[in-house]
Amino acid sequence: MSEVTITVRGEHEERLPAEQGVVRLTVRVEASDRGISIERLAAEAGPIRDALRTREEAGALLSWSSSRATIWTDRPWGPDGTRLNPVHHASLELTAVFTDPASLSAWVDEVSLREGAQIDSVTWRLSDETASIARDRVAAAAVRDAVSRATAYAAALGHTDVTAVAVADAGLLSPDAPAAAPKMMRAAFDAAGSPGVDLRPDDVAVNAVVEARFTAR
């Protein structure tokens, strides 16, 4: 019986409990004077930074940073179509990585009450060590799935000798094929029964898709 080439995709996914919550926050202020807008930004951001330092020292916060301070000016239009006096804006972005969902929820509840503070996003993730181990484990399982599929195809054709020729990440063996859609990690916002925000982490999806080519005899 002649040799047959078989190309398949193998897939596998695991869902693991989130270990870290990443909060992105922006503080925004405005004033008619540039200097005052900078002073207001410092006054609003100062207590937020202090609260983050306190939580970091308590061990509930893995790390935090503040960056991308931005200052700009615009002249809004009035109701009659004329340009009004300049308005000066100032903003600062902060990122905090929590290891305790309860502490994260408490901080979000606290900081969201501050004037000018806006929670931009909350995302959940694994630690680097857990993610690395999980990626390797899931990738190996995806390869085993590809082998199983190829073996089944070969058996259906009456072949029993299956040999791997190539294995690659999705899209590398078949560059014109659509790549697998990435899984999104989302935060669940649930304030039911509570005066504040109760952030409950979703499990984190770790998935792998591989392409494999085999010959069957």
Protein backbone atom coordinates (compact mmCIF):
# COMPACT_ATOMS: atom_id res chain seq x y z
CA MET A 1 0.00 0.00 0.00
CA SER A 2 1.35 3.45 -0.92
CA GLU A 3 2.55 5.99 1.62
CA VAL A 4 0.09 8.71 2.69
CA THR A 5 0.86 12.14 4.14
CA ILE A 6 -1.43 13.24 6.98
CA THR A 7 -1.52 16.79 8.37
CA VAL A 8 -3.54 17.50 11.49
CA ARG A 9 -4.03 20.00 14.29
CA GLY A 10 -3.76 19.01 17.92
CA GLU A 11 -5.37 21.03 20.69
CA HIS A 12 -5.52 21.07 24.45
CA GLU A 13 -6.72 23.48 27.13
CA GLU A 14 -6.54 23.66 30.90
CA ARG A 15 -8.24 26.13 33.22
CA LEU A 16 -6.26 27.05 36.32
CA PRO A 17 -7.12 29.25 39.32
CA ALA A 18 -5.84 32.80 38.88
CA GLU A 19 -2.92 33.73 41.10
CA GLN A 20 -2.53 37.45 40.40
CA GLY A 21 -4.91 40.32 39.68
CA VAL A 22 -3.63 43.30 37.68
CA VAL A 23 -5.42 46.62 38.17
CA ARG A 24 -4.83 49.54 35.82
CA LEU A 25 -5.92 52.93 37.09
CA THR A 26 -5.81 56.46 35.68
CA VAL A 27 -6.01 59.64 37.74
CA ARG A 28 -7.23 62.66 35.77
CA VAL A 29 -7.62 66.30 36.81
CA GLU A 30 -8.14 69.61 35.04
CA ALA A 31 -7.83 73.30 35.90
CA SER A 32 -7.73 76.69 34.26
CA ASP A 33 -4.08 77.06 35.31
CA ARG A 34 -1.36 74.61 34.29
CA GLY A 35 0.44 74.77 37.61
CA ILE A 36 -2.75 74.13 39.54
CA SER A 37 -3.56 71.09 37.39
CA ILE A 38 -0.16 69.59 38.27
CA GLU A 39 -0.70 70.33 41.96
CA ARG A 40 -4.13 68.70 41.88
CA LEU A 41 -2.72 65.62 40.18
CA ALA A 42 -0.08 65.29 42.90
CA ALA A 43 -2.73 65.74 45.62
CA GLU A 44 -4.99 63.08 44.13
CA ALA A 45 -2.26 60.58 43.27
CA GLY A 46 -0.37 60.90 46.56
CA PRO A 47 -2.88 59.07 48.81
CA ILE A 48 -3.33 56.36 46.18
CA ARG A 49 0.41 55.72 46.11
CA ASP A 50 0.52 55.69 49.93
CA ALA A 51 -2.25 53.08 50.05
CA LEU A 52 -0.38 50.92 47.56
CA ARG A 53 2.83 51.13 49.58
CA THR A 54 0.93 50.09 52.71
CA ARG A 55 -0.57 47.06 51.00
CA GLU A 56 2.79 46.11 49.50
CA GLU A 57 4.38 46.16 52.95
CA ALA A 58 1.52 44.00 54.26
CA GLY A 59 2.23 41.39 51.60
CA ALA A 60 -1.11 41.66 49.76
CA LEU A 61 0.46 43.47 46.83
CA LEU A 62 3.14 41.91 44.64
CA SER A 63 4.22 45.13 42.92
CA TRP A 64 3.00 48.49 41.70
CA SER A 65 4.19 51.27 39.42
CA SER A 66 3.17 54.72 38.26
CA SER A 67 4.09 55.96 34.83
CA ARG A 68 3.01 57.92 31.81
CA ALA A 69 2.28 61.24 33.47
CA THR A 70 0.66 63.36 30.77
CA ILE A 71 -0.10 67.08 30.64
CA TRP A 72 -1.97 68.75 27.81
CA THR A 73 -4.08 71.81 27.08
CA ASP A 74 -7.15 72.39 24.96
CA ARG A 75 -9.60 75.21 24.30
CA PRO A 76 -13.20 73.94 24.41
CA TRP A 77 -15.96 75.40 22.28
CA GLY A 78 -18.71 77.40 23.93
CA PRO A 79 -22.44 77.03 23.21
CA ASP A 80 -22.30 80.03 20.86
CA GLY A 81 -19.43 78.58 18.82
CA THR A 82 -16.65 80.67 20.31
CA ARG A 83 -13.45 79.23 21.77
CA LEU A 84 -13.35 79.35 25.57
CA ASN A 85 -10.33 79.88 27.79
CA PRO A 86 -7.70 77.12 27.82
CA VAL A 87 -8.25 74.11 30.07
CA HIS A 88 -5.16 72.30 31.35
CA HIS A 89 -5.36 68.54 31.88
CA ALA A 90 -3.04 66.23 33.79
CA SER A 91 -3.19 62.47 34.17
CA LEU A 92 -1.15 59.66 35.69
CA GLU A 93 -1.41 55.92 35.02
CA LEU A 94 -0.83 53.38 37.80
CA THR A 95 -0.60 49.59 37.70
CA ALA A 96 -0.89 47.32 40.74
CA VAL A 97 -0.45 43.54 40.88
CA PHE A 98 -2.32 41.87 43.76
CA THR A 99 -1.96 38.31 45.05
CA ASP A 100 -5.10 38.45 47.21
CA PRO A 101 -8.53 38.96 45.52
CA ALA A 102 -10.08 40.30 48.73
CA SER A 103 -7.40 42.96 49.09
CA LEU A 104 -7.75 43.83 45.40
CA SER A 105 -11.53 44.26 45.79
CA ALA A 106 -11.11 46.43 48.87
CA TRP A 107 -8.59 48.68 47.16
CA VAL A 108 -10.70 49.05 44.00
CA ASP A 109 -13.73 49.89 46.16
CA GLU A 110 -11.69 52.47 48.06
CA VAL A 111 -9.93 54.14 45.15
CA SER A 112 -13.02 54.30 42.91
CA LEU A 113 -14.56 56.77 45.36
CA ARG A 114 -11.78 59.28 44.81
CA GLU A 115 -12.50 62.18 42.49
CA GLY A 116 -10.66 61.88 39.20
CA ALA A 117 -9.72 58.21 39.67
CA GLN A 118 -10.87 55.71 37.06
CA ILE A 119 -10.36 51.94 37.04
CA ASP A 120 -9.38 51.13 33.46
CA SER A 121 -9.18 47.34 33.74
CA VAL A 122 -8.82 44.36 36.03
CA THR A 123 -7.26 41.23 34.55
CA TRP A 124 -6.31 37.92 36.10
CA ARG A 125 -3.24 35.87 35.35
CA LEU A 126 -0.94 33.12 36.58
CA SER A 127 2.49 33.63 38.09
CA ASP A 128 5.36 33.36 35.63
CA GLU A 129 6.47 30.02 37.09
CA THR A 130 2.99 28.46 36.98
CA ALA A 131 2.33 29.80 33.48
CA SER A 132 5.62 28.38 32.15
CA ILE A 133 4.99 24.92 33.58
CA ALA A 134 1.38 24.95 32.36
CA ARG A 135 2.35 26.03 28.83
CA ASP A 136 4.80 23.13 28.52
CA ARG A 137 2.29 20.64 29.90
CA VAL A 138 -0.53 21.85 27.64
CA ALA A 139 1.71 21.93 24.56
CA ALA A 140 2.75 18.31 25.17
CA ALA A 141 -0.90 17.32 25.51
CA ALA A 142 -1.70 19.10 22.21
CA VAL A 143 1.04 17.07 20.48
CA ARG A 144 -0.42 13.86 21.90
CA ASP A 145 -3.82 14.93 20.54
CA ALA A 146 -2.27 15.43 17.09
CA VAL A 147 -0.71 11.96 17.24
CA SER A 148 -4.06 10.46 18.23
CA ARG A 149 -5.84 12.17 15.34
CA ALA A 150 -3.21 11.16 12.81
CA THR A 151 -3.31 7.56 14.04
CA ALA A 152 -7.10 7.52 13.70
CA TYR A 153 -6.91 8.90 10.16
CA ALA A 154 -4.27 6.33 9.22
CA ALA A 155 -6.31 3.47 10.66
CA ALA A 156 -9.32 4.58 8.66
CA LEU A 157 -7.17 4.30 5.54
CA GLY A 158 -5.87 0.90 6.51
CA HIS A 159 -2.41 2.04 7.63
CA THR A 160 -0.77 1.05 10.91
CA ASP A 161 2.75 2.52 10.66
CA VAL A 162 2.56 6.26 11.48
CA THR A 163 5.72 8.40 11.60
CA ALA A 164 5.94 12.07 12.61
CA VAL A 165 7.62 14.30 10.02
CA ALA A 166 7.07 17.80 11.44
CA VAL A 167 5.45 19.51 14.44
CA ALA A 168 4.95 23.27 14.74
CA ASP A 169 2.84 25.96 16.37
CA ALA A 170 -0.45 26.65 14.62
CA GLY A 171 0.02 28.48 11.31
CA LEU A 172 3.65 27.55 10.72
CA LEU A 173 3.01 24.42 8.68
CA SER A 174 -0.07 25.91 7.01
CA PRO A 175 0.62 29.68 6.84
CA ASP A 176 -2.56 30.41 4.87
CA ALA A 177 -4.82 28.77 7.45
CA PRO A 178 -6.48 31.03 10.06
CA ALA A 179 -4.74 30.95 13.41
CA ALA A 180 -6.61 29.82 16.48
CA ALA A 181 -8.34 32.71 18.27
CA PRO A 182 -6.66 33.64 21.56
CA LYS A 183 -8.53 33.03 24.78
CA MET A 184 -9.30 36.12 26.81
CA MET A 185 -8.88 36.37 30.57
CA ARG A 186 -11.64 38.39 32.19
CA ALA A 187 -12.49 39.67 35.63
CA ALA A 188 -15.94 39.00 37.05
CA PHE A 189 -17.52 42.08 38.60
CA ASP A 190 -20.19 41.07 41.12
CA ALA A 191 -21.47 43.59 43.63
CA ALA A 192 -24.64 41.72 44.55
CA GLY A 193 -25.39 41.82 48.25
CA SER A 194 -22.45 44.12 48.97
CA PRO A 195 -22.19 47.92 49.14
CA GLY A 196 -18.79 47.69 47.45
CA VAL A 197 -17.25 45.87 44.55
CA ASP A 198 -16.62 42.15 44.91
CA LEU A 199 -14.10 41.06 42.31
CA ARG A 200 -14.01 37.31 41.87
CA PRO A 201 -11.27 35.96 39.61
CA ASP A 202 -12.16 33.74 36.69
CA ASP A 203 -9.99 30.72 36.05
CA VAL A 204 -7.20 31.41 33.55
CA ALA A 205 -7.35 29.44 30.30
CA VAL A 206 -4.03 28.00 29.11
CA ASN A 207 -4.37 26.55 25.63
CA ALA A 208 -2.12 25.24 22.88
CA VAL A 209 -2.72 24.46 19.21
CA VAL A 210 -0.10 22.64 17.17
CA GLU A 211 0.14 21.45 13.60
CA ALA A 212 1.76 18.11 12.83
CA ARG A 213 2.59 16.24 9.67
CA PHE A 214 2.90 12.45 9.52
CA THR A 215 3.52 9.75 6.98
CA ALA A 216 1.47 6.56 7.20
CA ARG A 217 2.20 3.20 5.60
